[in-house]
Amino acid sequence: MKTRTLIPIGLTSLLLITGCANNNNAIDERDQIRNELDPNQELRAPAEDGADDKLGYVRYTKEQMENNTEKNHSVSIDRTEMANMITRIMLRGDAFDEVATLVTDEEVLIAYQKSGRYDQDRTADMAKRTAMSVMPRYFKVYVSDNTSLINDIHSLHNLSTTEGDYDNTIQSIIKEMKKSPQGSNKGM
């Protein structure tokens, strides 16, 4: 009789433990996503101490490259890291109170709330130059002090460049951004 009672209790306990473990994994995933989107999160520490102080260097011969069996020969950019870098650089000064940056495959969109100390043209110029100093030259940079665009940019943060309506949405935001000063193109 005790064995018949213990088996269902044991199975029920096992199911509860397994279910709670899976629930904890889901909570961990939600927390990870929330942390990735948290603008207050500090940049990740380098994997090894002093990695930021090291010089970057590689050397190959033509023969090594021809014999390379690597499947992915394309160059890629971590768009989230670029957006993070641009936003943090802009907020380190005193011209901006809030900044949202989206980096696509061809454009950088920056919407910001400027502080009262600088005029509209100057902040647009500062925002554009910051992005251009970080990104490769072929990126087109669009800026706006229209704070409603901050939420529009935020709504796109989970999109992929392969999604259907992606380009139309980006183009409509760019059209709206062009109504704001776009900064000087002198020296760019």
N, C-alpha and C. Protein backbone atom coordinates (compact mmCIF):
# COMPACT_ATOMS: atom_id res chain seq x y z
N MET A 1 0.81 -1.19 0.00
CA MET A 1 0.00 0.00 0.00
C MET A 1 0.86 1.26 0.00
N LYS A 2 1.94 1.24 0.80
CA LYS A 2 2.81 2.41 0.85
C LYS A 2 3.50 2.65 -0.49
N THR A 3 3.83 1.58 -1.21
CA THR A 3 4.49 1.70 -2.51
C THR A 3 3.55 2.37 -3.51
N ARG A 4 2.27 1.99 -3.49
CA ARG A 4 1.29 2.58 -4.39
C ARG A 4 1.13 4.08 -4.12
N THR A 5 1.23 4.48 -2.91
CA THR A 5 1.10 5.89 -2.54
C THR A 5 2.38 6.66 -2.87
N LEU A 6 3.52 6.04 -2.65
CA LEU A 6 4.79 6.72 -2.88
C LEU A 6 5.08 6.97 -4.36
N ILE A 7 4.69 6.06 -5.23
CA ILE A 7 4.97 6.22 -6.66
C ILE A 7 4.27 7.45 -7.23
N PRO A 8 2.96 7.65 -7.03
CA PRO A 8 2.32 8.86 -7.56
C PRO A 8 2.88 10.14 -6.91
N ILE A 9 3.19 10.09 -5.63
CA ILE A 9 3.76 11.27 -4.97
C ILE A 9 5.12 11.58 -5.56
N GLY A 10 5.92 10.55 -5.79
CA GLY A 10 7.25 10.74 -6.38
C GLY A 10 7.17 11.31 -7.79
N LEU A 11 6.25 10.76 -8.61
CA LEU A 11 6.08 11.26 -9.98
C LEU A 11 5.58 12.70 -9.99
N THR A 12 4.64 13.00 -9.11
CA THR A 12 4.12 14.37 -9.02
C THR A 12 5.23 15.34 -8.62
N SER A 13 6.03 14.94 -7.66
CA SER A 13 7.15 15.79 -7.23
C SER A 13 8.13 16.01 -8.37
N LEU A 14 8.44 14.96 -9.11
CA LEU A 14 9.36 15.06 -10.24
C LEU A 14 8.82 16.01 -11.31
N LEU A 15 7.53 15.92 -11.61
CA LEU A 15 6.91 16.81 -12.58
C LEU A 15 6.95 18.26 -12.11
N LEU A 16 6.68 18.49 -10.85
CA LEU A 16 6.72 19.85 -10.31
C LEU A 16 8.12 20.44 -10.39
N ILE A 17 9.10 19.65 -10.04
CA ILE A 17 10.49 20.12 -10.09
C ILE A 17 10.89 20.45 -11.52
N THR A 18 10.54 19.57 -12.46
CA THR A 18 10.86 19.79 -13.87
C THR A 18 10.14 21.03 -14.39
N GLY A 19 8.88 21.18 -14.06
CA GLY A 19 8.12 22.34 -14.50
C GLY A 19 8.69 23.64 -13.96
N CYS A 20 9.08 23.65 -12.71
CA CYS A 20 9.67 24.85 -12.11
C CYS A 20 11.00 25.18 -12.76
N ALA A 21 11.77 24.17 -13.10
CA ALA A 21 13.06 24.41 -13.75
C ALA A 21 12.84 25.04 -15.12
N ASN A 22 11.86 24.55 -15.89
CA ASN A 22 11.57 25.13 -17.19
C ASN A 22 11.05 26.55 -17.05
N ASN A 23 10.25 26.81 -16.03
CA ASN A 23 9.75 28.15 -15.78
C ASN A 23 10.90 29.09 -15.45
N ASN A 24 11.87 28.61 -14.68
CA ASN A 24 13.04 29.43 -14.36
C ASN A 24 13.83 29.75 -15.62
N ASN A 25 13.94 28.80 -16.56
CA ASN A 25 14.63 29.07 -17.82
C ASN A 25 13.92 30.15 -18.61
N ALA A 26 12.58 30.11 -18.65
CA ALA A 26 11.82 31.13 -19.35
C ALA A 26 12.02 32.49 -18.70
N ILE A 27 12.04 32.51 -17.38
CA ILE A 27 12.28 33.76 -16.66
C ILE A 27 13.68 34.27 -16.95
N ASP A 28 14.67 33.37 -16.97
CA ASP A 28 16.04 33.77 -17.29
C ASP A 28 16.13 34.36 -18.69
N GLU A 29 15.43 33.77 -19.66
CA GLU A 29 15.44 34.28 -21.03
C GLU A 29 14.80 35.67 -21.09
N ARG A 30 13.67 35.84 -20.37
CA ARG A 30 13.02 37.16 -20.34
C ARG A 30 13.94 38.19 -19.71
N ASP A 31 14.61 37.82 -18.62
CA ASP A 31 15.54 38.74 -17.96
C ASP A 31 16.70 39.09 -18.88
N GLN A 32 17.19 38.11 -19.63
CA GLN A 32 18.29 38.37 -20.55
C GLN A 32 17.86 39.36 -21.63
N ILE A 33 16.68 39.17 -22.20
CA ILE A 33 16.17 40.09 -23.22
C ILE A 33 15.99 41.48 -22.62
N ARG A 34 15.42 41.54 -21.42
CA ARG A 34 15.21 42.83 -20.76
C ARG A 34 16.55 43.53 -20.52
N ASN A 35 17.56 42.78 -20.09
CA ASN A 35 18.88 43.36 -19.85
C ASN A 35 19.53 43.84 -21.14
N GLU A 36 19.32 43.11 -22.24
CA GLU A 36 19.90 43.53 -23.51
C GLU A 36 19.29 44.84 -23.99
N LEU A 37 18.02 45.07 -23.66
CA LEU A 37 17.34 46.28 -24.09
C LEU A 37 17.47 47.42 -23.10
N ASP A 38 18.06 47.16 -21.95
CA ASP A 38 18.21 48.17 -20.91
C ASP A 38 19.29 49.17 -21.31
N PRO A 39 18.91 50.44 -21.57
CA PRO A 39 19.91 51.42 -21.97
C PRO A 39 20.88 51.78 -20.84
N ASN A 40 20.55 51.40 -19.61
CA ASN A 40 21.43 51.72 -18.48
C ASN A 40 22.49 50.65 -18.26
N GLN A 41 22.38 49.55 -18.99
CA GLN A 41 23.36 48.47 -18.82
C GLN A 41 24.72 48.93 -19.33
N GLU A 42 25.73 48.70 -18.54
CA GLU A 42 27.09 49.06 -18.95
C GLU A 42 27.57 48.10 -20.02
N LEU A 43 28.53 48.54 -20.80
CA LEU A 43 29.10 47.67 -21.82
C LEU A 43 29.70 46.44 -21.17
N ARG A 44 29.63 45.33 -21.89
CA ARG A 44 30.20 44.09 -21.36
C ARG A 44 31.70 44.25 -21.14
N ALA A 45 32.17 43.62 -20.09
CA ALA A 45 33.61 43.64 -19.82
C ALA A 45 34.31 42.75 -20.82
N PRO A 46 35.50 43.10 -21.24
CA PRO A 46 36.24 42.25 -22.17
C PRO A 46 36.46 40.87 -21.56
N ALA A 47 36.56 39.87 -22.43
CA ALA A 47 36.72 38.49 -21.98
C ALA A 47 38.00 38.32 -21.18
N GLU A 48 39.03 39.04 -21.54
CA GLU A 48 40.27 38.95 -20.79
C GLU A 48 40.68 40.36 -20.38
N ASP A 49 41.33 40.46 -19.25
CA ASP A 49 41.75 41.76 -18.76
C ASP A 49 42.71 42.41 -19.75
N GLY A 50 42.53 43.69 -19.97
CA GLY A 50 43.44 44.43 -20.83
C GLY A 50 43.17 44.26 -22.31
N ALA A 51 42.08 43.59 -22.69
CA ALA A 51 41.80 43.37 -24.11
C ALA A 51 41.57 44.69 -24.85
N ASP A 52 41.03 45.69 -24.17
CA ASP A 52 40.82 46.98 -24.81
C ASP A 52 42.12 47.72 -25.06
N ASP A 53 43.17 47.35 -24.35
CA ASP A 53 44.45 48.03 -24.50
C ASP A 53 45.32 47.41 -25.59
N LYS A 54 44.93 46.26 -26.07
CA LYS A 54 45.75 45.55 -27.06
C LYS A 54 45.51 46.11 -28.46
N LEU A 55 46.55 46.04 -29.27
CA LEU A 55 46.43 46.43 -30.67
C LEU A 55 45.82 45.28 -31.45
N GLY A 56 45.10 45.61 -32.51
CA GLY A 56 44.53 44.58 -33.36
C GLY A 56 45.47 44.30 -34.52
N TYR A 57 45.82 43.06 -34.73
CA TYR A 57 46.76 42.72 -35.80
C TYR A 57 46.48 41.32 -36.32
N VAL A 58 46.48 41.17 -37.64
CA VAL A 58 46.45 39.86 -38.28
C VAL A 58 47.36 39.91 -39.50
N ARG A 59 47.81 38.73 -39.93
CA ARG A 59 48.65 38.65 -41.11
C ARG A 59 48.34 37.35 -41.83
N TYR A 60 48.08 37.44 -43.11
CA TYR A 60 47.82 36.28 -43.95
C TYR A 60 48.61 36.43 -45.24
N THR A 61 48.82 35.31 -45.90
CA THR A 61 49.35 35.34 -47.26
C THR A 61 48.19 35.04 -48.20
N LYS A 62 48.37 35.36 -49.45
CA LYS A 62 47.35 35.08 -50.45
C LYS A 62 47.01 33.59 -50.47
N GLU A 63 48.04 32.76 -50.34
CA GLU A 63 47.86 31.32 -50.34
C GLU A 63 46.98 30.86 -49.17
N GLN A 64 47.20 31.43 -48.01
CA GLN A 64 46.39 31.07 -46.84
C GLN A 64 44.92 31.41 -47.08
N MET A 65 44.67 32.54 -47.69
CA MET A 65 43.29 32.95 -47.94
C MET A 65 42.63 32.06 -48.99
N GLU A 66 43.39 31.64 -50.00
CA GLU A 66 42.83 30.77 -51.03
C GLU A 66 42.55 29.37 -50.48
N ASN A 67 43.32 28.93 -49.51
CA ASN A 67 43.14 27.61 -48.92
C ASN A 67 42.19 27.63 -47.73
N ASN A 68 41.71 28.78 -47.39
CA ASN A 68 40.84 28.93 -46.24
C ASN A 68 39.52 28.20 -46.48
N THR A 69 39.16 27.34 -45.56
CA THR A 69 37.91 26.58 -45.68
C THR A 69 36.75 27.24 -44.95
N GLU A 70 36.99 28.41 -44.42
CA GLU A 70 35.94 29.14 -43.72
C GLU A 70 34.77 29.39 -44.66
N LYS A 71 33.56 29.14 -44.19
CA LYS A 71 32.38 29.26 -45.04
C LYS A 71 31.92 30.71 -45.19
N ASN A 72 32.07 31.49 -44.18
CA ASN A 72 31.58 32.86 -44.21
C ASN A 72 32.74 33.81 -44.47
N HIS A 73 32.82 34.30 -45.69
CA HIS A 73 33.91 35.20 -46.06
C HIS A 73 33.47 36.67 -46.03
N SER A 74 32.29 36.94 -45.54
CA SER A 74 31.81 38.32 -45.55
C SER A 74 32.18 39.03 -44.25
N VAL A 75 32.23 40.33 -44.36
CA VAL A 75 32.50 41.18 -43.20
C VAL A 75 31.16 41.56 -42.59
N SER A 76 31.08 41.55 -41.28
CA SER A 76 29.82 41.92 -40.64
C SER A 76 30.08 42.90 -39.50
N ILE A 77 29.04 43.61 -39.16
CA ILE A 77 29.09 44.60 -38.09
C ILE A 77 28.04 44.23 -37.06
N ASP A 78 28.37 44.34 -35.80
CA ASP A 78 27.38 44.15 -34.74
C ASP A 78 26.59 45.46 -34.64
N ARG A 79 25.43 45.48 -35.25
CA ARG A 79 24.63 46.71 -35.34
C ARG A 79 24.19 47.21 -33.97
N THR A 80 23.86 46.28 -33.09
CA THR A 80 23.44 46.68 -31.74
C THR A 80 24.60 47.35 -31.02
N GLU A 81 25.78 46.81 -31.16
CA GLU A 81 26.95 47.40 -30.50
C GLU A 81 27.26 48.79 -31.07
N MET A 82 27.09 48.95 -32.38
CA MET A 82 27.32 50.26 -33.01
C MET A 82 26.29 51.27 -32.50
N ALA A 83 25.02 50.87 -32.43
CA ALA A 83 23.97 51.76 -31.92
C ALA A 83 24.25 52.12 -30.47
N ASN A 84 24.69 51.14 -29.70
CA ASN A 84 25.03 51.37 -28.29
C ASN A 84 26.17 52.38 -28.18
N MET A 85 27.19 52.21 -28.99
CA MET A 85 28.35 53.09 -28.94
C MET A 85 27.97 54.53 -29.30
N ILE A 86 27.21 54.70 -30.38
CA ILE A 86 26.79 56.04 -30.81
C ILE A 86 25.98 56.71 -29.71
N THR A 87 25.02 56.00 -29.16
CA THR A 87 24.14 56.56 -28.13
C THR A 87 24.93 56.97 -26.89
N ARG A 88 25.82 56.12 -26.45
CA ARG A 88 26.61 56.42 -25.25
C ARG A 88 27.55 57.61 -25.46
N ILE A 89 28.14 57.69 -26.64
CA ILE A 89 29.02 58.84 -26.92
C ILE A 89 28.21 60.12 -26.88
N MET A 90 27.04 60.11 -27.49
CA MET A 90 26.21 61.32 -27.52
C MET A 90 25.78 61.74 -26.11
N LEU A 91 25.44 60.79 -25.27
CA LEU A 91 24.96 61.12 -23.93
C LEU A 91 26.07 61.52 -22.96
N ARG A 92 27.30 61.27 -23.32
CA ARG A 92 28.42 61.67 -22.44
C ARG A 92 28.59 63.19 -22.40
N GLY A 93 28.17 63.87 -23.45
CA GLY A 93 28.22 65.33 -23.46
C GLY A 93 26.97 65.90 -22.80
N ASP A 94 26.83 67.20 -22.87
CA ASP A 94 25.68 67.84 -22.22
C ASP A 94 24.64 68.35 -23.21
N ALA A 95 24.73 67.97 -24.48
CA ALA A 95 23.80 68.46 -25.49
C ALA A 95 22.52 67.62 -25.59
N PHE A 96 22.56 66.40 -25.07
CA PHE A 96 21.42 65.49 -25.24
C PHE A 96 20.96 64.94 -23.89
N ASP A 97 19.63 64.84 -23.75
CA ASP A 97 19.05 64.26 -22.54
C ASP A 97 18.62 62.81 -22.76
N GLU A 98 18.20 62.49 -23.97
CA GLU A 98 17.79 61.13 -24.30
C GLU A 98 18.10 60.88 -25.77
N VAL A 99 18.57 59.68 -26.08
CA VAL A 99 18.94 59.33 -27.46
C VAL A 99 18.49 57.91 -27.76
N ALA A 100 17.89 57.72 -28.93
CA ALA A 100 17.56 56.38 -29.44
C ALA A 100 18.24 56.23 -30.79
N THR A 101 18.98 55.15 -30.97
CA THR A 101 19.73 54.93 -32.21
C THR A 101 19.38 53.57 -32.78
N LEU A 102 19.11 53.54 -34.07
CA LEU A 102 18.85 52.30 -34.78
C LEU A 102 19.83 52.20 -35.94
N VAL A 103 20.52 51.09 -36.03
CA VAL A 103 21.45 50.86 -37.14
C VAL A 103 20.88 49.75 -38.00
N THR A 104 20.65 50.05 -39.27
CA THR A 104 20.17 49.04 -40.22
C THR A 104 21.35 48.58 -41.06
N ASP A 105 21.06 47.94 -42.18
CA ASP A 105 22.13 47.50 -43.06
C ASP A 105 22.70 48.63 -43.89
N GLU A 106 21.99 49.78 -43.97
CA GLU A 106 22.46 50.91 -44.78
C GLU A 106 22.36 52.26 -44.08
N GLU A 107 21.53 52.34 -43.05
CA GLU A 107 21.26 53.64 -42.43
C GLU A 107 21.49 53.61 -40.92
N VAL A 108 21.69 54.82 -40.40
CA VAL A 108 21.70 55.04 -38.96
C VAL A 108 20.61 56.07 -38.69
N LEU A 109 19.66 55.73 -37.84
CA LEU A 109 18.58 56.64 -37.48
C LEU A 109 18.75 57.02 -36.02
N ILE A 110 18.82 58.32 -35.76
CA ILE A 110 19.01 58.81 -34.40
C ILE A 110 17.91 59.81 -34.08
N ALA A 111 17.12 59.51 -33.08
CA ALA A 111 16.14 60.45 -32.56
C ALA A 111 16.58 60.82 -31.15
N TYR A 112 16.45 62.09 -30.82
CA TYR A 112 16.98 62.53 -29.53
C TYR A 112 16.16 63.66 -28.95
N GLN A 113 16.31 63.82 -27.65
CA GLN A 113 15.78 64.98 -26.95
C GLN A 113 16.99 65.81 -26.57
N LYS A 114 17.04 67.01 -27.10
CA LYS A 114 18.20 67.86 -26.83
C LYS A 114 18.01 68.61 -25.53
N SER A 115 19.13 68.96 -24.93
CA SER A 115 19.04 69.80 -23.73
C SER A 115 18.81 71.23 -24.19
N GLY A 116 18.41 72.08 -23.31
CA GLY A 116 18.08 73.45 -23.67
C GLY A 116 19.26 74.33 -24.03
N ARG A 117 20.47 73.85 -23.82
CA ARG A 117 21.65 74.70 -24.00
C ARG A 117 22.07 74.89 -25.45
N TYR A 118 21.65 74.00 -26.34
CA TYR A 118 22.11 74.05 -27.73
C TYR A 118 20.93 74.23 -28.67
N ASP A 119 21.21 74.90 -29.82
CA ASP A 119 20.13 75.09 -30.79
C ASP A 119 19.96 73.84 -31.65
N GLN A 120 18.89 73.84 -32.41
CA GLN A 120 18.48 72.68 -33.19
C GLN A 120 19.53 72.29 -34.24
N ASP A 121 20.09 73.26 -34.94
CA ASP A 121 21.08 72.95 -35.98
C ASP A 121 22.36 72.37 -35.39
N ARG A 122 22.78 72.93 -34.28
CA ARG A 122 24.03 72.45 -33.66
C ARG A 122 23.89 71.02 -33.14
N THR A 123 22.77 70.72 -32.49
CA THR A 123 22.60 69.35 -31.98
C THR A 123 22.47 68.35 -33.13
N ALA A 124 21.81 68.75 -34.21
CA ALA A 124 21.71 67.86 -35.38
C ALA A 124 23.10 67.58 -35.93
N ASP A 125 23.92 68.60 -36.01
CA ASP A 125 25.29 68.44 -36.50
C ASP A 125 26.10 67.52 -35.58
N MET A 126 25.96 67.72 -34.27
CA MET A 126 26.69 66.88 -33.31
C MET A 126 26.26 65.42 -33.41
N ALA A 127 24.96 65.19 -33.53
CA ALA A 127 24.45 63.82 -33.63
C ALA A 127 24.96 63.14 -34.89
N LYS A 128 24.88 63.85 -36.00
CA LYS A 128 25.31 63.27 -37.28
C LYS A 128 26.80 62.97 -37.28
N ARG A 129 27.58 63.91 -36.79
CA ARG A 129 29.04 63.70 -36.77
C ARG A 129 29.44 62.55 -35.84
N THR A 130 28.73 62.41 -34.74
CA THR A 130 29.02 61.29 -33.83
C THR A 130 28.81 59.96 -34.55
N ALA A 131 27.67 59.83 -35.21
CA ALA A 131 27.39 58.58 -35.92
C ALA A 131 28.40 58.34 -37.03
N MET A 132 28.75 59.39 -37.76
CA MET A 132 29.69 59.22 -38.86
C MET A 132 31.10 58.90 -38.39
N SER A 133 31.42 59.28 -37.17
CA SER A 133 32.75 58.95 -36.65
C SER A 133 32.85 57.49 -36.23
N VAL A 134 31.72 56.85 -36.00
CA VAL A 134 31.69 55.46 -35.55
C VAL A 134 31.46 54.49 -36.71
N MET A 135 30.59 54.86 -37.62
CA MET A 135 30.14 53.94 -38.66
C MET A 135 31.02 54.02 -39.91
N PRO A 136 31.03 52.94 -40.71
CA PRO A 136 31.70 52.99 -42.01
C PRO A 136 31.07 54.07 -42.89
N ARG A 137 31.83 54.57 -43.81
CA ARG A 137 31.44 55.73 -44.62
C ARG A 137 30.16 55.52 -45.45
N TYR A 138 29.87 54.30 -45.85
CA TYR A 138 28.73 54.08 -46.74
C TYR A 138 27.37 54.19 -46.05
N PHE A 139 27.33 54.28 -44.73
CA PHE A 139 26.06 54.41 -44.02
C PHE A 139 25.51 55.82 -44.18
N LYS A 140 24.21 55.91 -44.43
CA LYS A 140 23.54 57.21 -44.47
C LYS A 140 23.01 57.47 -43.06
N VAL A 141 23.22 58.68 -42.57
CA VAL A 141 22.83 59.02 -41.21
C VAL A 141 21.69 60.02 -41.25
N TYR A 142 20.63 59.72 -40.50
CA TYR A 142 19.47 60.60 -40.39
C TYR A 142 19.26 60.90 -38.91
N VAL A 143 19.02 62.16 -38.60
CA VAL A 143 18.85 62.58 -37.21
C VAL A 143 17.58 63.41 -37.07
N SER A 144 17.05 63.44 -35.85
CA SER A 144 15.87 64.25 -35.59
C SER A 144 15.73 64.54 -34.11
N ASP A 145 15.29 65.75 -33.81
CA ASP A 145 14.98 66.10 -32.43
C ASP A 145 13.48 65.96 -32.15
N ASN A 146 12.77 65.31 -33.05
CA ASN A 146 11.35 65.00 -32.85
C ASN A 146 11.29 63.82 -31.89
N THR A 147 10.94 64.10 -30.64
CA THR A 147 10.99 63.06 -29.60
C THR A 147 9.97 61.93 -29.82
N SER A 148 8.93 62.16 -30.60
CA SER A 148 7.98 61.07 -30.87
C SER A 148 8.64 59.97 -31.71
N LEU A 149 9.69 60.31 -32.43
CA LEU A 149 10.40 59.31 -33.23
C LEU A 149 11.24 58.37 -32.36
N ILE A 150 11.50 58.75 -31.12
CA ILE A 150 12.23 57.86 -30.21
C ILE A 150 11.44 56.56 -30.04
N ASN A 151 10.13 56.68 -29.84
CA ASN A 151 9.29 55.48 -29.69
C ASN A 151 9.16 54.71 -31.01
N ASP A 152 9.12 55.43 -32.13
CA ASP A 152 9.06 54.76 -33.43
C ASP A 152 10.31 53.91 -33.66
N ILE A 153 11.46 54.48 -33.33
CA ILE A 153 12.71 53.74 -33.47
C ILE A 153 12.73 52.55 -32.52
N HIS A 154 12.27 52.77 -31.30
CA HIS A 154 12.25 51.68 -30.32
C HIS A 154 11.38 50.52 -30.80
N SER A 155 10.29 50.83 -31.47
CA SER A 155 9.39 49.77 -31.93
C SER A 155 10.03 48.86 -32.98
N LEU A 156 11.13 49.29 -33.57
CA LEU A 156 11.79 48.50 -34.61
C LEU A 156 12.95 47.67 -34.10
N HIS A 157 13.29 47.78 -32.83
CA HIS A 157 14.52 47.16 -32.34
C HIS A 157 14.56 45.64 -32.48
N ASN A 158 13.44 44.98 -32.59
CA ASN A 158 13.43 43.52 -32.73
C ASN A 158 13.30 43.05 -34.18
N LEU A 159 13.18 43.98 -35.12
CA LEU A 159 13.01 43.59 -36.51
C LEU A 159 14.30 43.06 -37.12
N SER A 160 14.13 42.34 -38.20
CA SER A 160 15.25 41.83 -38.98
C SER A 160 15.20 42.50 -40.35
N THR A 161 16.35 42.62 -40.99
CA THR A 161 16.39 43.25 -42.31
C THR A 161 15.69 42.40 -43.37
N THR A 162 15.34 41.18 -43.04
CA THR A 162 14.68 40.30 -44.01
C THR A 162 13.16 40.29 -43.88
N GLU A 163 12.62 41.01 -42.91
CA GLU A 163 11.17 41.03 -42.71
C GLU A 163 10.50 41.87 -43.79
N GLY A 164 9.30 41.48 -44.18
CA GLY A 164 8.59 42.05 -45.30
C GLY A 164 8.41 43.55 -45.31
N ASP A 165 7.81 44.10 -44.29
CA ASP A 165 7.47 45.52 -44.28
C ASP A 165 8.58 46.38 -43.70
N TYR A 166 9.72 45.78 -43.44
CA TYR A 166 10.84 46.46 -42.80
C TYR A 166 11.24 47.74 -43.54
N ASP A 167 11.48 47.64 -44.84
CA ASP A 167 12.00 48.77 -45.59
C ASP A 167 10.98 49.91 -45.67
N ASN A 168 9.71 49.60 -45.84
CA ASN A 168 8.68 50.65 -45.89
C ASN A 168 8.60 51.41 -44.57
N THR A 169 8.70 50.70 -43.47
CA THR A 169 8.65 51.33 -42.15
C THR A 169 9.85 52.25 -41.96
N ILE A 170 11.04 51.76 -42.30
CA ILE A 170 12.25 52.57 -42.18
C ILE A 170 12.13 53.82 -43.04
N GLN A 171 11.67 53.67 -44.28
CA GLN A 171 11.56 54.81 -45.19
C GLN A 171 10.56 55.85 -44.68
N SER A 172 9.48 55.42 -44.06
CA SER A 172 8.52 56.39 -43.52
C SER A 172 9.11 57.15 -42.33
N ILE A 173 9.91 56.48 -41.52
CA ILE A 173 10.57 57.17 -40.40
C ILE A 173 11.61 58.15 -40.94
N ILE A 174 12.37 57.74 -41.95
CA ILE A 174 13.37 58.63 -42.55
C ILE A 174 12.69 59.86 -43.14
N LYS A 175 11.56 59.67 -43.80
CA LYS A 175 10.82 60.80 -44.37
C LYS A 175 10.45 61.80 -43.28
N GLU A 176 10.01 61.28 -42.14
CA GLU A 176 9.66 62.14 -41.01
C GLU A 176 10.90 62.82 -40.43
N MET A 177 12.02 62.09 -40.37
CA MET A 177 13.26 62.65 -39.82
C MET A 177 13.80 63.78 -40.68
N LYS A 178 13.60 63.69 -41.98
CA LYS A 178 14.11 64.71 -42.89
C LYS A 178 13.44 66.06 -42.70
N LYS A 179 12.33 66.09 -41.96
CA LYS A 179 11.67 67.35 -41.65
C LYS A 179 12.46 68.14 -40.61
N SER A 180 13.37 67.48 -39.93
CA SER A 180 14.24 68.12 -38.92
C SER A 180 15.57 68.46 -39.57
N PRO A 181 16.32 69.41 -38.99
CA PRO A 181 17.66 69.68 -39.52
C PRO A 181 18.51 68.41 -39.51
N GLN A 182 19.33 68.23 -40.54
CA GLN A 182 20.13 67.02 -40.69
C GLN A 182 21.62 67.24 -40.43
N GLY A 183 21.98 68.39 -39.92
CA GLY A 183 23.39 68.63 -39.63
C GLY A 183 24.15 69.04 -40.87
N SER A 184 25.31 69.57 -40.66
CA SER A 184 26.15 70.05 -41.74
C SER A 184 26.82 68.89 -42.46
N ASN A 185 27.02 69.05 -43.74
CA ASN A 185 27.76 68.05 -44.51
C ASN A 185 29.17 68.53 -44.82
N LYS A 186 29.57 69.65 -44.24
CA LYS A 186 30.93 70.15 -44.47
C LYS A 186 31.94 69.19 -43.89
N GLY A 187 32.93 68.84 -44.68
CA GLY A 187 33.99 67.96 -44.22
C GLY A 187 33.58 66.51 -44.11
N MET A 188 32.40 66.17 -44.63
CA MET A 188 31.92 64.77 -44.55
C MET A 188 31.95 64.13 -45.91
